[in-house]
Amino acid sequence: MSKRVIQCLAAAMAAAFWVPMALAAGLAPIKLGPQALSAGQIRTARLRRLESAPQLSAYGIVLNPGPLATRASQVITARAQATLARSEVRRAAVLYRAHHNISQAALQSAQTGLETAAATLMQLKTRMLAHWGPKLSAAALSGSAPVRGLETGAAALVEVSLPLGQELERPPANALATTPDGEKIWLRFVSPAPRTAAGVAGESLFYLMPAEISMPIGTPLTVALASRAREAGVLVPRSAVVWDHGELLVFRETAPGSFLPVPIRSSFISGDGYFVPESPGTLLHPGDRIVTGGAALLYSVAAQAAPAAKAAQASKPKDGNDD
């Protein structure tokens, strides 16, 4: 909307009033007359109750499985060296007890070699578990699924990272990924990732991509994850949502021409908008009317008028006696 339209709408709000108590990010309820509604092309729609499985939109990336195979090879080599060092200690102990056929220094050298080999093995295993988790680590060390598929090219490994502050009660067995060119791919869950991906603060998960999809390492993906079982709520269209200082909010119609800014904190992004589940404290319910056309313009006017409303409220005399 142009600045001129905003000015026209602001002028048409001569009959508007502001209620002192703000409900969302310092914004207060607004009342518009017919002229303002027409000038701003404000449209509303009624929310309907529906059931949905809320989805989280996560970030995914195709991983290089080479470091996993390299780490597994290092662990296997270190394990073999530790086994050999353990055998050397047993042999040296037998020889030392048999009339000191070897010196005590030789026995102690064998014991030191075992301690070094065991420490190296423990260090490598710890690093492997810290990066890949127990399931992928065990599969890599045994050569079993799903690592066997990664080695033969029958599958690709994808790391999926949730947005900061979002969490899953139970990772879904399947997730739908979208490539940069819009191709849809179904992923199969492997295990939680023990640490977050570089540059991402949310929880991470490992998924497998099928072999028939040839995707270069490092390809970014948008992944839709079902967060939990189906539940009831309302679906808020994207056109109704505005951002205010990092918070999502909509304008709910409380009476003809009267609108209340309402935050939608417990929402999940879906393909059609924001699903707001029914829960204690929810401010949107089936049957409510919300602004679906002109919400951004309404917010602009509200933001401009808020300082003046606060100043007017501050200038009012307070109740009470001056005695």
Protein backbone atom coordinates (compact mmCIF):
# COMPACT_ATOMS: atom_id res chain seq x y z
CA MET A 1 0.00 0.00 0.00
CA SER A 2 1.19 3.51 -0.83
CA LYS A 3 1.93 6.21 1.71
CA ARG A 4 -0.99 8.20 0.32
CA VAL A 5 -3.44 5.37 1.05
CA ILE A 6 -2.11 5.15 4.62
CA GLN A 7 -2.59 8.90 5.02
CA CYS A 8 -6.13 8.65 3.67
CA LEU A 9 -6.91 5.84 6.06
CA ALA A 10 -5.40 7.73 8.98
CA ALA A 11 -7.53 10.74 8.09
CA ALA A 12 -10.63 8.56 7.87
CA MET A 13 -9.90 7.32 11.40
CA ALA A 14 -11.01 10.60 12.94
CA ALA A 15 -13.75 8.68 14.75
CA ALA A 16 -11.43 5.89 15.89
CA PHE A 17 -10.79 5.31 19.57
CA TRP A 18 -7.95 3.56 21.41
CA VAL A 19 -8.40 1.45 24.51
CA PRO A 20 -5.55 2.02 27.02
CA MET A 21 -4.69 -1.66 27.67
CA ALA A 22 -2.46 -3.11 24.93
CA LEU A 23 -2.63 -6.85 24.21
CA ALA A 24 0.09 -7.34 21.62
CA ALA A 25 3.48 -5.66 21.48
CA GLY A 26 2.20 -2.27 22.68
CA LEU A 27 -0.67 -2.10 20.17
CA ALA A 28 -4.17 -1.33 21.34
CA PRO A 29 -7.60 -2.15 19.87
CA ILE A 30 -8.79 0.02 16.96
CA LYS A 31 -12.23 1.13 15.77
CA LEU A 32 -12.74 2.21 12.15
CA GLY A 33 -15.67 3.88 10.50
CA PRO A 34 -17.15 2.80 7.14
CA GLN A 35 -15.03 5.34 5.26
CA ALA A 36 -11.80 3.99 6.80
CA LEU A 37 -12.78 0.39 6.09
CA SER A 38 -13.48 1.25 2.47
CA ALA A 39 -10.29 3.29 2.04
CA GLY A 40 -8.13 0.53 3.47
CA GLN A 41 -9.97 -2.27 1.64
CA ILE A 42 -10.20 -4.11 4.95
CA ARG A 43 -11.66 -7.61 4.52
CA THR A 44 -12.42 -10.21 7.16
CA ALA A 45 -13.10 -13.95 7.21
CA ARG A 46 -14.55 -16.31 9.80
CA LEU A 47 -12.25 -18.96 11.32
CA ARG A 48 -13.43 -22.55 11.06
CA ARG A 49 -12.59 -25.45 13.32
CA LEU A 50 -10.51 -28.17 11.73
CA GLU A 51 -8.28 -31.06 12.71
CA SER A 52 -4.72 -31.17 11.56
CA ALA A 53 -1.38 -32.72 12.32
CA PRO A 54 0.72 -29.60 12.98
CA GLN A 55 3.91 -29.46 10.97
CA LEU A 56 7.23 -27.83 11.64
CA SER A 57 9.19 -26.35 8.78
CA ALA A 58 12.83 -27.37 9.27
CA TYR A 59 16.14 -26.86 7.48
CA GLY A 60 17.82 -29.86 5.87
CA ILE A 61 21.13 -30.47 4.12
CA VAL A 62 22.55 -33.49 2.25
CA LEU A 63 25.60 -34.70 4.19
CA ASN A 64 28.87 -36.17 3.02
CA PRO A 65 29.03 -39.71 4.51
CA GLY A 66 32.79 -39.85 3.97
CA PRO A 67 33.74 -38.51 7.44
CA LEU A 68 31.55 -41.19 9.05
CA ALA A 69 33.32 -43.95 7.11
CA THR A 70 36.73 -42.41 7.90
CA ARG A 71 35.96 -42.23 11.61
CA ALA A 72 34.70 -45.82 11.61
CA SER A 73 37.93 -46.96 9.92
CA GLN A 74 39.97 -45.14 12.57
CA VAL A 75 38.00 -46.76 15.39
CA ILE A 76 38.33 -50.22 13.85
CA THR A 77 42.11 -49.75 13.45
CA ALA A 78 42.44 -48.44 17.02
CA ARG A 79 40.38 -51.38 18.31
CA ALA A 80 42.69 -53.84 16.54
CA GLN A 81 45.75 -52.08 17.99
CA ALA A 82 44.24 -52.21 21.49
CA THR A 83 43.52 -55.94 21.08
CA LEU A 84 47.11 -56.55 19.94
CA ALA A 85 48.48 -54.48 22.85
CA ARG A 86 46.34 -56.48 25.28
CA SER A 87 47.79 -59.72 23.90
CA GLU A 88 51.30 -58.33 24.23
CA VAL A 89 50.68 -57.50 27.89
CA ARG A 90 49.41 -61.03 28.60
CA ARG A 91 52.45 -62.56 26.85
CA ALA A 92 54.89 -60.24 28.64
CA ALA A 93 53.31 -61.03 32.02
CA VAL A 94 53.68 -64.77 31.42
CA LEU A 95 57.31 -64.38 30.37
CA TYR A 96 58.10 -62.15 33.33
CA ARG A 97 56.60 -64.61 35.81
CA ALA A 98 58.48 -67.50 34.19
CA HIS A 99 61.86 -66.93 35.80
CA HIS A 100 62.01 -63.33 34.57
CA ASN A 101 62.53 -64.28 30.91
CA ILE A 102 61.92 -60.60 30.14
CA SER A 103 62.78 -57.58 32.25
CA GLN A 104 60.31 -55.65 34.37
CA ALA A 105 60.95 -52.65 32.13
CA ALA A 106 59.77 -54.67 29.10
CA LEU A 107 56.60 -55.66 30.96
CA GLN A 108 55.95 -52.04 31.95
CA SER A 109 56.55 -50.94 28.34
CA ALA A 110 53.90 -53.40 27.14
CA GLN A 111 51.48 -52.15 29.79
CA THR A 112 52.12 -48.53 28.75
CA GLY A 113 51.45 -49.49 25.12
CA LEU A 114 48.11 -51.01 26.13
CA GLU A 115 47.13 -47.90 28.09
CA THR A 116 47.99 -45.67 25.13
CA ALA A 117 46.06 -47.87 22.67
CA ALA A 118 43.03 -48.02 24.98
CA ALA A 119 43.05 -44.23 25.45
CA THR A 120 43.28 -43.67 21.69
CA LEU A 121 40.38 -46.06 21.09
CA MET A 122 38.24 -44.37 23.74
CA GLN A 123 38.98 -40.92 22.32
CA LEU A 124 38.03 -41.93 18.78
CA LYS A 125 34.84 -43.69 19.90
CA THR A 126 33.82 -40.68 21.99
CA ARG A 127 34.31 -38.32 19.07
CA MET A 128 32.36 -40.64 16.78
CA LEU A 129 29.43 -40.88 19.19
CA ALA A 130 29.46 -37.12 19.80
CA HIS A 131 29.14 -36.40 16.07
CA TRP A 132 27.10 -39.30 14.67
CA GLY A 133 25.23 -40.79 17.62
CA PRO A 134 25.04 -44.43 18.76
CA LYS A 135 22.89 -45.82 15.93
CA LEU A 136 24.93 -44.54 12.99
CA SER A 137 28.19 -45.23 14.85
CA ALA A 138 27.24 -48.86 15.51
CA ALA A 139 26.09 -49.32 11.92
CA ALA A 140 29.33 -47.86 10.56
CA LEU A 141 31.47 -50.11 12.77
CA SER A 142 29.53 -53.25 11.84
CA GLY A 143 28.91 -52.36 8.20
CA SER A 144 25.16 -52.88 8.65
CA ALA A 145 22.17 -50.81 7.55
CA PRO A 146 21.76 -47.94 7.08
CA VAL A 147 25.49 -47.27 6.56
CA ARG A 148 25.79 -50.09 4.05
CA GLY A 149 23.32 -48.22 1.86
CA LEU A 150 25.38 -45.04 2.14
CA GLU A 151 28.54 -46.85 1.09
CA THR A 152 26.90 -48.46 -1.95
CA GLY A 153 25.04 -45.32 -2.99
CA ALA A 154 21.66 -46.85 -2.25
CA ALA A 155 20.77 -43.93 0.00
CA ALA A 156 21.95 -40.46 1.03
CA LEU A 157 22.19 -39.02 4.53
CA VAL A 158 20.29 -35.82 5.37
CA GLU A 159 20.63 -33.76 8.54
CA VAL A 160 17.39 -31.99 9.46
CA SER A 161 17.53 -29.10 11.96
CA LEU A 162 14.51 -27.66 13.76
CA PRO A 163 14.00 -23.93 14.24
CA LEU A 164 15.25 -22.45 17.51
CA GLY A 165 12.75 -23.03 20.31
CA GLN A 166 10.83 -25.79 18.49
CA GLU A 167 10.90 -29.40 19.60
CA LEU A 168 9.31 -32.74 18.71
CA GLU A 169 7.78 -35.13 21.20
CA ARG A 170 8.70 -37.97 18.83
CA PRO A 171 10.46 -37.56 15.45
CA PRO A 172 8.18 -38.74 12.62
CA ALA A 173 9.17 -41.91 10.77
CA ASN A 174 8.84 -40.03 7.47
CA ALA A 175 9.33 -36.39 6.51
CA LEU A 176 8.64 -34.53 3.28
CA ALA A 177 11.58 -32.57 1.88
CA THR A 178 11.48 -29.96 -0.87
CA THR A 179 14.53 -29.25 -3.02
CA PRO A 180 15.49 -25.74 -4.22
CA ASP A 181 13.82 -26.49 -7.58
CA GLY A 182 10.57 -27.62 -5.95
CA GLU A 183 10.98 -31.40 -6.16
CA LYS A 184 9.29 -33.35 -3.32
CA ILE A 185 11.21 -36.17 -1.61
CA TRP A 186 10.17 -38.50 1.22
CA LEU A 187 12.84 -39.06 3.88
CA ARG A 188 13.07 -41.96 6.36
CA PHE A 189 14.07 -41.33 9.99
CA VAL A 190 17.33 -42.83 11.27
CA SER A 191 18.11 -41.31 14.68
CA PRO A 192 18.47 -38.06 16.60
CA ALA A 193 21.70 -36.18 15.95
CA PRO A 194 23.76 -35.74 19.13
CA ARG A 195 24.59 -32.12 18.35
CA THR A 196 23.18 -29.23 16.37
CA ALA A 197 24.29 -28.48 12.84
CA ALA A 198 26.81 -25.69 12.27
CA GLY A 199 25.07 -22.33 12.20
CA VAL A 200 21.75 -23.78 13.40
CA ALA A 201 20.60 -23.58 17.02
CA GLY A 202 17.71 -26.09 17.01
CA GLU A 203 17.60 -29.85 17.56
CA SER A 204 18.95 -31.96 14.67
CA LEU A 205 17.84 -35.32 13.26
CA PHE A 206 19.29 -37.80 10.77
CA TYR A 207 17.14 -38.97 7.85
CA LEU A 208 17.80 -41.13 4.78
CA MET A 209 17.06 -40.07 1.22
CA PRO A 210 16.18 -42.85 -1.27
CA ALA A 211 18.68 -43.95 -3.90
CA GLU A 212 16.60 -42.93 -6.90
CA ILE A 213 17.06 -39.29 -5.90
CA SER A 214 20.47 -38.01 -6.99
CA MET A 215 21.23 -34.97 -4.89
CA PRO A 216 24.69 -33.34 -4.59
CA ILE A 217 26.31 -33.11 -1.16
CA GLY A 218 25.49 -29.81 0.49
CA THR A 219 22.11 -29.37 -1.24
CA PRO A 220 19.80 -27.37 1.08
CA LEU A 221 16.30 -28.73 1.68
CA THR A 222 13.11 -27.46 3.28
CA VAL A 223 11.66 -30.27 5.39
CA ALA A 224 8.10 -30.56 6.73
CA LEU A 225 7.87 -32.58 9.97
CA ALA A 226 4.62 -33.67 11.62
CA SER A 227 5.03 -32.48 15.19
CA ARG A 228 2.47 -34.73 16.88
CA ALA A 229 -0.92 -36.42 16.50
CA ARG A 230 -3.87 -34.70 14.86
CA GLU A 231 -5.55 -32.07 16.98
CA ALA A 232 -8.28 -29.44 16.69
CA GLY A 233 -7.67 -25.79 16.03
CA VAL A 234 -8.05 -23.02 13.47
CA LEU A 235 -6.07 -22.22 10.34
CA VAL A 236 -4.97 -18.58 9.97
CA PRO A 237 -4.25 -17.53 6.36
CA ARG A 238 -0.83 -16.07 5.67
CA SER A 239 -2.47 -12.86 4.46
CA ALA A 240 -3.85 -12.28 7.96
CA VAL A 241 -0.49 -12.45 9.74
CA VAL A 242 1.83 -9.52 10.41
CA TRP A 243 5.13 -9.43 12.28
CA ASP A 244 5.72 -7.06 15.17
CA HIS A 245 9.14 -7.12 16.90
CA GLY A 246 9.59 -10.82 16.15
CA GLU A 247 6.04 -11.74 17.16
CA LEU A 248 3.24 -13.04 14.93
CA LEU A 249 -0.12 -11.36 15.35
CA VAL A 250 -3.50 -10.97 13.65
CA PHE A 251 -6.34 -8.47 13.98
CA ARG A 252 -9.53 -10.05 15.36
CA GLU A 253 -12.83 -8.29 14.75
CA THR A 254 -14.63 -7.78 18.07
CA ALA A 255 -17.52 -5.74 16.63
CA PRO A 256 -18.28 -4.19 13.23
CA GLY A 257 -15.28 -1.97 12.50
CA SER A 258 -13.49 -2.82 15.79
CA PHE A 259 -10.27 -4.83 15.71
CA LEU A 260 -8.09 -6.31 18.43
CA PRO A 261 -4.40 -7.21 17.82
CA VAL A 262 -3.96 -10.83 18.94
CA PRO A 263 -0.63 -12.71 19.14
CA ILE A 264 -0.54 -16.30 17.85
CA ARG A 265 2.41 -17.70 19.76
CA SER A 266 1.41 -21.39 19.74
CA SER A 267 1.20 -21.74 15.97
CA PHE A 268 2.68 -24.09 13.40
CA ILE A 269 3.42 -23.25 9.79
CA SER A 270 1.50 -25.35 7.27
CA GLY A 271 1.18 -25.17 3.53
CA ASP A 272 -1.93 -22.98 3.76
CA GLY A 273 -0.99 -20.71 6.64
CA TYR A 274 -0.56 -20.94 10.42
CA PHE A 275 -2.36 -23.66 12.35
CA VAL A 276 -3.30 -22.51 15.88
CA PRO A 277 -4.28 -25.49 18.08
CA GLU A 278 -6.98 -25.28 20.72
CA SER A 279 -5.29 -24.93 24.10
CA PRO A 280 -5.71 -23.00 27.37
CA GLY A 281 -5.04 -19.33 26.80
CA THR A 282 -5.62 -19.45 23.05
CA LEU A 283 -7.00 -16.10 21.85
CA LEU A 284 -8.42 -17.35 18.53
CA HIS A 285 -11.39 -19.70 18.31
CA PRO A 286 -13.70 -21.12 15.65
CA GLY A 287 -16.25 -18.51 14.65
CA ASP A 288 -13.97 -15.52 15.27
CA ARG A 289 -13.58 -13.10 12.39
CA ILE A 290 -10.06 -11.92 11.56
CA VAL A 291 -8.69 -9.42 9.06
CA THR A 292 -7.49 -11.27 5.94
CA GLY A 293 -7.20 -8.28 3.61
CA GLY A 294 -5.44 -5.07 4.60
CA ALA A 295 -3.83 -6.45 7.77
CA ALA A 296 -0.44 -4.93 6.93
CA LEU A 297 -2.03 -1.53 6.29
CA LEU A 298 -4.02 -1.77 9.51
CA TYR A 299 -0.81 -2.54 11.39
CA SER A 300 0.99 0.42 9.79
CA VAL A 301 -1.72 2.83 10.88
CA ALA A 302 -1.84 1.25 14.35
CA ALA A 303 1.91 1.59 14.75
CA GLN A 304 1.80 5.26 13.75
CA ALA A 305 -1.07 6.04 16.09
CA ALA A 306 0.27 4.11 19.10
CA PRO A 307 2.71 6.82 20.36
CA ALA A 308 -0.01 9.48 20.25
CA ALA A 309 -2.41 7.19 22.09
CA LYS A 310 0.16 6.48 24.80
CA ALA A 311 0.86 10.19 25.23
CA ALA A 312 -2.86 10.96 25.51
CA GLN A 313 -3.31 8.24 28.10
CA ALA A 314 -0.34 9.51 30.13
CA SER A 315 -1.77 13.02 30.20
CA LYS A 316 -5.05 11.90 31.80
CA PRO A 317 -5.37 12.68 35.56
CA LYS A 318 -5.09 9.65 37.82
CA ASP A 319 -7.95 8.61 40.08
CA GLY A 320 -7.55 9.19 43.79
CA ASN A 321 -7.43 11.96 46.38
CA ASP A 322 -4.78 14.60 46.55
CA ASP A 323 -5.03 14.79 50.33
